[in-house]
Amino acid sequence: SFPVYNGTAVRFFSQAADGFEAQLCD
């Protein structure tokens, strides 16, 4: 029961610190 989507922008972070900084901004 997990839907499939094709209207989503996906961004990959190769380092956790970069992901964390993006989180803080959002």
mmCIF file of all heavy atoms, coordinates in Angstrom:
data_MODEL
# 
_entry.id   MODEL 
# 
loop_
_atom_site.group_PDB 
_atom_site.id 
_atom_site.type_symbol 
_atom_site.label_atom_id 
_atom_site.label_alt_id 
_atom_site.label_comp_id 
_atom_site.label_asym_id 
_atom_site.label_entity_id 
_atom_site.label_seq_id 
_atom_site.pdbx_PDB_ins_code 
_atom_site.Cartn_x 
_atom_site.Cartn_y 
_atom_site.Cartn_z 
_atom_site.occupancy 
_atom_site.B_iso_or_equiv 
_atom_site.pdbx_formal_charge 
_atom_site.auth_seq_id 
_atom_site.auth_comp_id 
_atom_site.auth_asym_id 
_atom_site.auth_atom_id 
_atom_site.pdbx_PDB_model_num 
ATOM 1   N N   . SER A 1 1  ? 0.800  -1.240 0.000   1.00 0.00 ? 1  SER A N   1 
ATOM 2   C CA  . SER A 1 1  ? 0.000  0.000  0.000   1.00 0.00 ? 1  SER A CA  1 
ATOM 3   C C   . SER A 1 1  ? 0.828  1.283  0.000   1.00 0.00 ? 1  SER A C   1 
ATOM 4   O O   . SER A 1 1  ? 0.388  2.309  0.523   1.00 0.00 ? 1  SER A O   1 
ATOM 5   C CB  . SER A 1 1  ? -0.959 0.021  1.204   1.00 0.00 ? 1  SER A CB  1 
ATOM 6   O OG  . SER A 1 1  ? -1.788 -1.110 1.202   1.00 0.00 ? 1  SER A OG  1 
ATOM 7   N N   . PHE A 1 2  ? 2.021  1.246  -0.588  1.00 0.00 ? 2  PHE A N   1 
ATOM 8   C CA  . PHE A 1 2  ? 2.834  2.449  -0.710  1.00 0.00 ? 2  PHE A CA  1 
ATOM 9   C C   . PHE A 1 2  ? 2.754  2.957  -2.148  1.00 0.00 ? 2  PHE A C   1 
ATOM 10  O O   . PHE A 1 2  ? 3.241  2.303  -3.073  1.00 0.00 ? 2  PHE A O   1 
ATOM 11  C CB  . PHE A 1 2  ? 4.296  2.173  -0.339  1.00 0.00 ? 2  PHE A CB  1 
ATOM 12  C CG  . PHE A 1 2  ? 4.477  1.743  1.092   1.00 0.00 ? 2  PHE A CG  1 
ATOM 13  C CD1 . PHE A 1 2  ? 4.928  0.466  1.390   1.00 0.00 ? 2  PHE A CD1 1 
ATOM 14  C CD2 . PHE A 1 2  ? 4.184  2.612  2.132   1.00 0.00 ? 2  PHE A CD2 1 
ATOM 15  C CE1 . PHE A 1 2  ? 5.086  0.053  2.708   1.00 0.00 ? 2  PHE A CE1 1 
ATOM 16  C CE2 . PHE A 1 2  ? 4.337  2.216  3.458   1.00 0.00 ? 2  PHE A CE2 1 
ATOM 17  C CZ  . PHE A 1 2  ? 4.788  0.934  3.749   1.00 0.00 ? 2  PHE A CZ  1 
ATOM 18  N N   . PRO A 1 3  ? 2.133  4.119  -2.381  1.00 0.00 ? 3  PRO A N   1 
ATOM 19  C CA  . PRO A 1 3  ? 1.928  4.620  -3.742  1.00 0.00 ? 3  PRO A CA  1 
ATOM 20  C C   . PRO A 1 3  ? 3.231  4.950  -4.466  1.00 0.00 ? 3  PRO A C   1 
ATOM 21  O O   . PRO A 1 3  ? 4.258  5.231  -3.849  1.00 0.00 ? 3  PRO A O   1 
ATOM 22  C CB  . PRO A 1 3  ? 1.085  5.889  -3.525  1.00 0.00 ? 3  PRO A CB  1 
ATOM 23  C CG  . PRO A 1 3  ? 0.530  5.775  -2.150  1.00 0.00 ? 3  PRO A CG  1 
ATOM 24  C CD  . PRO A 1 3  ? 1.527  4.995  -1.367  1.00 0.00 ? 3  PRO A CD  1 
ATOM 25  N N   . VAL A 1 4  ? 3.150  4.946  -5.802  1.00 0.00 ? 4  VAL A N   1 
ATOM 26  C CA  . VAL A 1 4  ? 4.247  5.380  -6.653  1.00 0.00 ? 4  VAL A CA  1 
ATOM 27  C C   . VAL A 1 4  ? 3.929  6.794  -7.137  1.00 0.00 ? 4  VAL A C   1 
ATOM 28  O O   . VAL A 1 4  ? 2.792  7.088  -7.513  1.00 0.00 ? 4  VAL A O   1 
ATOM 29  C CB  . VAL A 1 4  ? 4.413  4.450  -7.881  1.00 0.00 ? 4  VAL A CB  1 
ATOM 30  C CG1 . VAL A 1 4  ? 5.668  4.833  -8.667  1.00 0.00 ? 4  VAL A CG1 1 
ATOM 31  C CG2 . VAL A 1 4  ? 4.454  2.999  -7.448  1.00 0.00 ? 4  VAL A CG2 1 
ATOM 32  N N   . TYR A 1 5  ? 4.926  7.669  -7.147  1.00 0.00 ? 5  TYR A N   1 
ATOM 33  C CA  . TYR A 1 5  ? 4.719  9.064  -7.533  1.00 0.00 ? 5  TYR A CA  1 
ATOM 34  C C   . TYR A 1 5  ? 5.676  9.442  -8.672  1.00 0.00 ? 5  TYR A C   1 
ATOM 35  O O   . TYR A 1 5  ? 6.788  8.922  -8.765  1.00 0.00 ? 5  TYR A O   1 
ATOM 36  C CB  . TYR A 1 5  ? 4.985  9.993  -6.349  1.00 0.00 ? 5  TYR A CB  1 
ATOM 37  C CG  . TYR A 1 5  ? 4.193  9.693  -5.098  1.00 0.00 ? 5  TYR A CG  1 
ATOM 38  C CD1 . TYR A 1 5  ? 4.697  8.850  -4.113  1.00 0.00 ? 5  TYR A CD1 1 
ATOM 39  C CD2 . TYR A 1 5  ? 2.939  10.267 -4.890  1.00 0.00 ? 5  TYR A CD2 1 
ATOM 40  C CE1 . TYR A 1 5  ? 3.980  8.581  -2.949  1.00 0.00 ? 5  TYR A CE1 1 
ATOM 41  C CE2 . TYR A 1 5  ? 2.212  10.012 -3.724  1.00 0.00 ? 5  TYR A CE2 1 
ATOM 42  C CZ  . TYR A 1 5  ? 2.743  9.165  -2.766  1.00 0.00 ? 5  TYR A CZ  1 
ATOM 43  O OH  . TYR A 1 5  ? 2.035  8.904  -1.614  1.00 0.00 ? 5  TYR A OH  1 
ATOM 44  N N   . ASN A 1 6  ? 5.226  10.369 -9.513  1.00 0.00 ? 6  ASN A N   1 
ATOM 45  C CA  . ASN A 1 6  ? 6.129  10.925 -10.525 1.00 0.00 ? 6  ASN A CA  1 
ATOM 46  C C   . ASN A 1 6  ? 6.051  12.449 -10.578 1.00 0.00 ? 6  ASN A C   1 
ATOM 47  O O   . ASN A 1 6  ? 6.447  13.059 -11.561 1.00 0.00 ? 6  ASN A O   1 
ATOM 48  C CB  . ASN A 1 6  ? 5.850  10.324 -11.905 1.00 0.00 ? 6  ASN A CB  1 
ATOM 49  C CG  . ASN A 1 6  ? 4.494  10.732 -12.457 1.00 0.00 ? 6  ASN A CG  1 
ATOM 50  O OD1 . ASN A 1 6  ? 3.664  11.304 -11.744 1.00 0.00 ? 6  ASN A OD1 1 
ATOM 51  N ND2 . ASN A 1 6  ? 4.255  10.440 -13.721 1.00 0.00 ? 6  ASN A ND2 1 
ATOM 52  N N   . GLY A 1 7  ? 5.562  13.053 -9.506  1.00 0.00 ? 7  GLY A N   1 
ATOM 53  C CA  . GLY A 1 7  ? 5.504  14.509 -9.420  1.00 0.00 ? 7  GLY A CA  1 
ATOM 54  C C   . GLY A 1 7  ? 6.344  15.024 -8.281  1.00 0.00 ? 7  GLY A C   1 
ATOM 55  O O   . GLY A 1 7  ? 5.945  15.948 -7.567  1.00 0.00 ? 7  GLY A O   1 
ATOM 56  N N   . THR A 1 8  ? 7.524  14.423 -8.093  1.00 0.00 ? 8  THR A N   1 
ATOM 57  C CA  . THR A 1 8  ? 8.368  14.769 -6.944  1.00 0.00 ? 8  THR A CA  1 
ATOM 58  C C   . THR A 1 8  ? 9.790  15.083 -7.387  1.00 0.00 ? 8  THR A C   1 
ATOM 59  O O   . THR A 1 8  ? 10.380 14.326 -8.170  1.00 0.00 ? 8  THR A O   1 
ATOM 60  C CB  . THR A 1 8  ? 8.393  13.601 -5.932  1.00 0.00 ? 8  THR A CB  1 
ATOM 61  O OG1 . THR A 1 8  ? 7.069  13.365 -5.449  1.00 0.00 ? 8  THR A OG1 1 
ATOM 62  C CG2 . THR A 1 8  ? 9.303  13.913 -4.758  1.00 0.00 ? 8  THR A CG2 1 
ATOM 63  N N   . ALA A 1 9  ? 10.315 16.177 -6.892  1.00 0.00 ? 9  ALA A N   1 
ATOM 64  C CA  . ALA A 1 9  ? 11.719 16.523 -7.130  1.00 0.00 ? 9  ALA A CA  1 
ATOM 65  C C   . ALA A 1 9  ? 12.565 15.851 -6.054  1.00 0.00 ? 9  ALA A C   1 
ATOM 66  O O   . ALA A 1 9  ? 12.257 15.944 -4.863  1.00 0.00 ? 9  ALA A O   1 
ATOM 67  C CB  . ALA A 1 9  ? 11.911 18.033 -7.085  1.00 0.00 ? 9  ALA A CB  1 
ATOM 68  N N   . VAL A 1 10 ? 13.623 15.161 -6.485  1.00 0.00 ? 10 VAL A N   1 
ATOM 69  C CA  . VAL A 1 10 ? 14.480 14.420 -5.558  1.00 0.00 ? 10 VAL A CA  1 
ATOM 70  C C   . VAL A 1 10 ? 15.885 15.004 -5.599  1.00 0.00 ? 10 VAL A C   1 
ATOM 71  O O   . VAL A 1 10 ? 16.472 15.158 -6.671  1.00 0.00 ? 10 VAL A O   1 
ATOM 72  C CB  . VAL A 1 10 ? 14.538 12.922 -5.929  1.00 0.00 ? 10 VAL A CB  1 
ATOM 73  C CG1 . VAL A 1 10 ? 15.373 12.160 -4.904  1.00 0.00 ? 10 VAL A CG1 1 
ATOM 74  C CG2 . VAL A 1 10 ? 13.140 12.331 -6.027  1.00 0.00 ? 10 VAL A CG2 1 
ATOM 75  N N   . ARG A 1 11 ? 16.415 15.309 -4.423  1.00 0.00 ? 11 ARG A N   1 
ATOM 76  C CA  . ARG A 1 11 ? 17.793 15.801 -4.321  1.00 0.00 ? 11 ARG A CA  1 
ATOM 77  C C   . ARG A 1 11 ? 18.578 14.872 -3.410  1.00 0.00 ? 11 ARG A C   1 
ATOM 78  O O   . ARG A 1 11 ? 18.124 14.538 -2.308  1.00 0.00 ? 11 ARG A O   1 
ATOM 79  C CB  . ARG A 1 11 ? 17.806 17.227 -3.769  1.00 0.00 ? 11 ARG A CB  1 
ATOM 80  C CG  . ARG A 1 11 ? 19.206 17.834 -3.673  1.00 0.00 ? 11 ARG A CG  1 
ATOM 81  C CD  . ARG A 1 11 ? 19.133 19.237 -3.093  1.00 0.00 ? 11 ARG A CD  1 
ATOM 82  N NE  . ARG A 1 11 ? 20.462 19.805 -2.864  1.00 0.00 ? 11 ARG A NE  1 
ATOM 83  C CZ  . ARG A 1 11 ? 20.684 20.934 -2.189  1.00 0.00 ? 11 ARG A CZ  1 
ATOM 84  N NH1 . ARG A 1 11 ? 19.648 21.623 -1.699  1.00 0.00 ? 11 ARG A NH1 1 
ATOM 85  N NH2 . ARG A 1 11 ? 21.927 21.376 -2.020  1.00 0.00 ? 11 ARG A NH2 1 
ATOM 86  N N   . PHE A 1 12 ? 19.744 14.433 -3.885  1.00 0.00 ? 12 PHE A N   1 
ATOM 87  C CA  . PHE A 1 12 ? 20.590 13.509 -3.127  1.00 0.00 ? 12 PHE A CA  1 
ATOM 88  C C   . PHE A 1 12 ? 21.735 14.271 -2.467  1.00 0.00 ? 12 PHE A C   1 
ATOM 89  O O   . PHE A 1 12 ? 22.348 15.144 -3.083  1.00 0.00 ? 12 PHE A O   1 
ATOM 90  C CB  . PHE A 1 12 ? 21.155 12.436 -4.064  1.00 0.00 ? 12 PHE A CB  1 
ATOM 91  C CG  . PHE A 1 12 ? 22.181 11.540 -3.425  1.00 0.00 ? 12 PHE A CG  1 
ATOM 92  C CD1 . PHE A 1 12 ? 21.809 10.574 -2.510  1.00 0.00 ? 12 PHE A CD1 1 
ATOM 93  C CD2 . PHE A 1 12 ? 23.534 11.670 -3.742  1.00 0.00 ? 12 PHE A CD2 1 
ATOM 94  C CE1 . PHE A 1 12 ? 22.762 9.756  -1.913  1.00 0.00 ? 12 PHE A CE1 1 
ATOM 95  C CE2 . PHE A 1 12 ? 24.488 10.852 -3.162  1.00 0.00 ? 12 PHE A CE2 1 
ATOM 96  C CZ  . PHE A 1 12 ? 24.094 9.890  -2.242  1.00 0.00 ? 12 PHE A CZ  1 
ATOM 97  N N   . PHE A 1 13 ? 22.014 13.939 -1.198  1.00 0.00 ? 13 PHE A N   1 
ATOM 98  C CA  . PHE A 1 13 ? 23.130 14.528 -0.471  1.00 0.00 ? 13 PHE A CA  1 
ATOM 99  C C   . PHE A 1 13 ? 24.163 13.440 -0.206  1.00 0.00 ? 13 PHE A C   1 
ATOM 100 O O   . PHE A 1 13 ? 23.875 12.445 0.460   1.00 0.00 ? 13 PHE A O   1 
ATOM 101 C CB  . PHE A 1 13 ? 22.657 15.120 0.857   1.00 0.00 ? 13 PHE A CB  1 
ATOM 102 C CG  . PHE A 1 13 ? 21.619 16.197 0.699   1.00 0.00 ? 13 PHE A CG  1 
ATOM 103 C CD1 . PHE A 1 13 ? 20.265 15.905 0.904   1.00 0.00 ? 13 PHE A CD1 1 
ATOM 104 C CD2 . PHE A 1 13 ? 21.973 17.484 0.333   1.00 0.00 ? 13 PHE A CD2 1 
ATOM 105 C CE1 . PHE A 1 13 ? 19.300 16.877 0.753   1.00 0.00 ? 13 PHE A CE1 1 
ATOM 106 C CE2 . PHE A 1 13 ? 21.011 18.472 0.189   1.00 0.00 ? 13 PHE A CE2 1 
ATOM 107 C CZ  . PHE A 1 13 ? 19.672 18.170 0.388   1.00 0.00 ? 13 PHE A CZ  1 
ATOM 108 N N   . SER A 1 14 ? 25.360 13.644 -0.714  1.00 0.00 ? 14 SER A N   1 
ATOM 109 C CA  . SER A 1 14 ? 26.422 12.657 -0.523  1.00 0.00 ? 14 SER A CA  1 
ATOM 110 C C   . SER A 1 14 ? 27.073 12.772 0.848   1.00 0.00 ? 14 SER A C   1 
ATOM 111 O O   . SER A 1 14 ? 27.827 11.888 1.256   1.00 0.00 ? 14 SER A O   1 
ATOM 112 C CB  . SER A 1 14 ? 27.493 12.807 -1.612  1.00 0.00 ? 14 SER A CB  1 
ATOM 113 O OG  . SER A 1 14 ? 28.093 14.092 -1.546  1.00 0.00 ? 14 SER A OG  1 
ATOM 114 N N   . GLN A 1 15 ? 26.787 13.868 1.562   1.00 0.00 ? 15 GLN A N   1 
ATOM 115 C CA  . GLN A 1 15 ? 27.298 14.067 2.917   1.00 0.00 ? 15 GLN A CA  1 
ATOM 116 C C   . GLN A 1 15 ? 26.145 14.487 3.822   1.00 0.00 ? 15 GLN A C   1 
ATOM 117 O O   . GLN A 1 15 ? 25.330 15.338 3.451   1.00 0.00 ? 15 GLN A O   1 
ATOM 118 C CB  . GLN A 1 15 ? 28.395 15.136 2.939   1.00 0.00 ? 15 GLN A CB  1 
ATOM 119 C CG  . GLN A 1 15 ? 29.624 14.795 2.111   1.00 0.00 ? 15 GLN A CG  1 
ATOM 120 C CD  . GLN A 1 15 ? 30.375 13.580 2.639   1.00 0.00 ? 15 GLN A CD  1 
ATOM 121 O OE1 . GLN A 1 15 ? 30.359 13.303 3.845   1.00 0.00 ? 15 GLN A OE1 1 
ATOM 122 N NE2 . GLN A 1 15 ? 31.042 12.854 1.747   1.00 0.00 ? 15 GLN A NE2 1 
ATOM 123 N N   . ALA A 1 16 ? 26.104 13.900 5.013   1.00 0.00 ? 16 ALA A N   1 
ATOM 124 C CA  . ALA A 1 16 ? 25.022 14.210 5.952   1.00 0.00 ? 16 ALA A CA  1 
ATOM 125 C C   . ALA A 1 16 ? 24.994 15.685 6.310   1.00 0.00 ? 16 ALA A C   1 
ATOM 126 O O   . ALA A 1 16 ? 23.915 16.267 6.483   1.00 0.00 ? 16 ALA A O   1 
ATOM 127 C CB  . ALA A 1 16 ? 25.174 13.360 7.206   1.00 0.00 ? 16 ALA A CB  1 
ATOM 128 N N   . ALA A 1 17 ? 26.165 16.298 6.422   1.00 0.00 ? 17 ALA A N   1 
ATOM 129 C CA  . ALA A 1 17 ? 26.222 17.725 6.803   1.00 0.00 ? 17 ALA A CA  1 
ATOM 130 C C   . ALA A 1 17 ? 25.503 18.597 5.786   1.00 0.00 ? 17 ALA A C   1 
ATOM 131 O O   . ALA A 1 17 ? 24.831 19.574 6.152   1.00 0.00 ? 17 ALA A O   1 
ATOM 132 C CB  . ALA A 1 17 ? 27.677 18.167 6.954   1.00 0.00 ? 17 ALA A CB  1 
ATOM 133 N N   . ASP A 1 18 ? 25.611 18.239 4.500   1.00 0.00 ? 18 ASP A N   1 
ATOM 134 C CA  . ASP A 1 18 ? 24.919 19.012 3.463   1.00 0.00 ? 18 ASP A CA  1 
ATOM 135 C C   . ASP A 1 18 ? 23.403 18.847 3.588   1.00 0.00 ? 18 ASP A C   1 
ATOM 136 O O   . ASP A 1 18 ? 22.642 19.810 3.416   1.00 0.00 ? 18 ASP A O   1 
ATOM 137 C CB  . ASP A 1 18 ? 25.383 18.563 2.081   1.00 0.00 ? 18 ASP A CB  1 
ATOM 138 C CG  . ASP A 1 18 ? 26.855 18.852 1.835   1.00 0.00 ? 18 ASP A CG  1 
ATOM 139 O OD1 . ASP A 1 18 ? 27.385 19.777 2.471   1.00 0.00 ? 18 ASP A OD1 1 
ATOM 140 O OD2 . ASP A 1 18 ? 27.474 18.137 1.024   1.00 0.00 ? 18 ASP A OD2 1 
ATOM 141 N N   . GLY A 1 19 ? 22.976 17.623 3.873   1.00 0.00 ? 19 GLY A N   1 
ATOM 142 C CA  . GLY A 1 19 ? 21.554 17.384 4.075   1.00 0.00 ? 19 GLY A CA  1 
ATOM 143 C C   . GLY A 1 19 ? 21.020 18.144 5.274   1.00 0.00 ? 19 GLY A C   1 
ATOM 144 O O   . GLY A 1 19 ? 19.915 18.714 5.232   1.00 0.00 ? 19 GLY A O   1 
ATOM 145 N N   . PHE A 1 20 ? 21.803 18.187 6.339   1.00 0.00 ? 20 PHE A N   1 
ATOM 146 C CA  . PHE A 1 20 ? 21.380 18.891 7.554   1.00 0.00 ? 20 PHE A CA  1 
ATOM 147 C C   . PHE A 1 20 ? 21.251 20.390 7.298   1.00 0.00 ? 20 PHE A C   1 
ATOM 148 O O   . PHE A 1 20 ? 20.295 21.031 7.760   1.00 0.00 ? 20 PHE A O   1 
ATOM 149 C CB  . PHE A 1 20 ? 22.381 18.614 8.673   1.00 0.00 ? 20 PHE A CB  1 
ATOM 150 C CG  . PHE A 1 20 ? 21.991 19.181 9.998   1.00 0.00 ? 20 PHE A CG  1 
ATOM 151 C CD1 . PHE A 1 20 ? 20.831 18.776 10.637  1.00 0.00 ? 20 PHE A CD1 1 
ATOM 152 C CD2 . PHE A 1 20 ? 22.791 20.127 10.626  1.00 0.00 ? 20 PHE A CD2 1 
ATOM 153 C CE1 . PHE A 1 20 ? 20.459 19.297 11.873  1.00 0.00 ? 20 PHE A CE1 1 
ATOM 154 C CE2 . PHE A 1 20 ? 22.440 20.660 11.862  1.00 0.00 ? 20 PHE A CE2 1 
ATOM 155 C CZ  . PHE A 1 20 ? 21.273 20.242 12.480  1.00 0.00 ? 20 PHE A CZ  1 
ATOM 156 N N   . GLU A 1 21 ? 22.201 20.965 6.553   1.00 0.00 ? 21 GLU A N   1 
ATOM 157 C CA  . GLU A 1 21 ? 22.135 22.393 6.241   1.00 0.00 ? 21 GLU A CA  1 
ATOM 158 C C   . GLU A 1 21 ? 20.891 22.700 5.409   1.00 0.00 ? 21 GLU A C   1 
ATOM 159 O O   . GLU A 1 21 ? 20.220 23.719 5.622   1.00 0.00 ? 21 GLU A O   1 
ATOM 160 C CB  . GLU A 1 21 ? 23.400 22.833 5.495   1.00 0.00 ? 21 GLU A CB  1 
ATOM 161 C CG  . GLU A 1 21 ? 24.663 22.804 6.337   1.00 0.00 ? 21 GLU A CG  1 
ATOM 162 C CD  . GLU A 1 21 ? 24.602 23.745 7.530   1.00 0.00 ? 21 GLU A CD  1 
ATOM 163 O OE1 . GLU A 1 21 ? 23.960 24.809 7.419   1.00 0.00 ? 21 GLU A OE1 1 
ATOM 164 O OE2 . GLU A 1 21 ? 25.204 23.421 8.572   1.00 0.00 ? 21 GLU A OE2 1 
ATOM 165 N N   . ALA A 1 22 ? 20.573 21.826 4.459   1.00 0.00 ? 22 ALA A N   1 
ATOM 166 C CA  . ALA A 1 22 ? 19.369 22.017 3.649   1.00 0.00 ? 22 ALA A CA  1 
ATOM 167 C C   . ALA A 1 22 ? 18.116 21.924 4.513   1.00 0.00 ? 22 ALA A C   1 
ATOM 168 O O   . ALA A 1 22 ? 17.144 22.670 4.315   1.00 0.00 ? 22 ALA A O   1 
ATOM 169 C CB  . ALA A 1 22 ? 19.327 20.986 2.523   1.00 0.00 ? 22 ALA A CB  1 
ATOM 170 N N   . GLN A 1 23 ? 18.128 21.017 5.490   1.00 0.00 ? 23 GLN A N   1 
ATOM 171 C CA  . GLN A 1 23 ? 17.000 20.907 6.409   1.00 0.00 ? 23 GLN A CA  1 
ATOM 172 C C   . GLN A 1 23 ? 16.789 22.199 7.173   1.00 0.00 ? 23 GLN A C   1 
ATOM 173 O O   . GLN A 1 23 ? 15.654 22.671 7.322   1.00 0.00 ? 23 GLN A O   1 
ATOM 174 C CB  . GLN A 1 23 ? 17.247 19.759 7.402   1.00 0.00 ? 23 GLN A CB  1 
ATOM 175 C CG  . GLN A 1 23 ? 16.805 18.397 6.900   1.00 0.00 ? 23 GLN A CG  1 
ATOM 176 C CD  . GLN A 1 23 ? 17.057 17.321 7.941   1.00 0.00 ? 23 GLN A CD  1 
ATOM 177 O OE1 . GLN A 1 23 ? 18.070 16.656 7.878   1.00 0.00 ? 23 GLN A OE1 1 
ATOM 178 N NE2 . GLN A 1 23 ? 16.154 17.160 8.872   1.00 0.00 ? 23 GLN A NE2 1 
ATOM 179 N N   . LEU A 1 24 ? 17.873 22.737 7.696   1.00 0.00 ? 24 LEU A N   1 
ATOM 180 C CA  . LEU A 1 24 ? 17.767 23.980 8.465   1.00 0.00 ? 24 LEU A CA  1 
ATOM 181 C C   . LEU A 1 24 ? 17.171 25.099 7.618   1.00 0.00 ? 24 LEU A C   1 
ATOM 182 O O   . LEU A 1 24 ? 16.339 25.884 8.100   1.00 0.00 ? 24 LEU A O   1 
ATOM 183 C CB  . LEU A 1 24 ? 19.149 24.388 8.992   1.00 0.00 ? 24 LEU A CB  1 
ATOM 184 C CG  . LEU A 1 24 ? 19.785 23.466 10.036  1.00 0.00 ? 24 LEU A CG  1 
ATOM 185 C CD1 . LEU A 1 24 ? 21.184 23.957 10.393  1.00 0.00 ? 24 LEU A CD1 1 
ATOM 186 C CD2 . LEU A 1 24 ? 18.918 23.370 11.289  1.00 0.00 ? 24 LEU A CD2 1 
ATOM 187 N N   . CYS A 1 25 ? 17.572 25.167 6.351   1.00 0.00 ? 25 CYS A N   1 
ATOM 188 C CA  . CYS A 1 25 ? 17.030 26.207 5.461   1.00 0.00 ? 25 CYS A CA  1 
ATOM 189 C C   . CYS A 1 25 ? 15.534 26.034 5.249   1.00 0.00 ? 25 CYS A C   1 
ATOM 190 O O   . CYS A 1 25 ? 14.760 27.000 5.294   1.00 0.00 ? 25 CYS A O   1 
ATOM 191 C CB  . CYS A 1 25 ? 17.767 26.169 4.116   1.00 0.00 ? 25 CYS A CB  1 
ATOM 192 S SG  . CYS A 1 25 ? 19.470 26.747 4.195   1.00 0.00 ? 25 CYS A SG  1 
ATOM 193 N N   . ASP A 1 26 ? 15.098 24.802 5.009   1.00 0.00 ? 26 ASP A N   1 
ATOM 194 C CA  . ASP A 1 26 ? 13.670 24.556 4.787   1.00 0.00 ? 26 ASP A CA  1 
ATOM 195 C C   . ASP A 1 26 ? 12.859 24.741 6.063   1.00 0.00 ? 26 ASP A C   1 
ATOM 196 O O   . ASP A 1 26 ? 11.721 25.226 6.026   1.00 0.00 ? 26 ASP A O   1 
ATOM 197 C CB  . ASP A 1 26 ? 13.465 23.145 4.231   1.00 0.00 ? 26 ASP A CB  1 
ATOM 198 C CG  . ASP A 1 26 ? 13.773 23.053 2.743   1.00 0.00 ? 26 ASP A CG  1 
ATOM 199 O OD1 . ASP A 1 26 ? 13.346 23.939 1.993   1.00 0.00 ? 26 ASP A OD1 1 
ATOM 200 O OD2 . ASP A 1 26 ? 14.459 22.097 2.325   1.00 0.00 ? 26 ASP A OD2 1 
# 
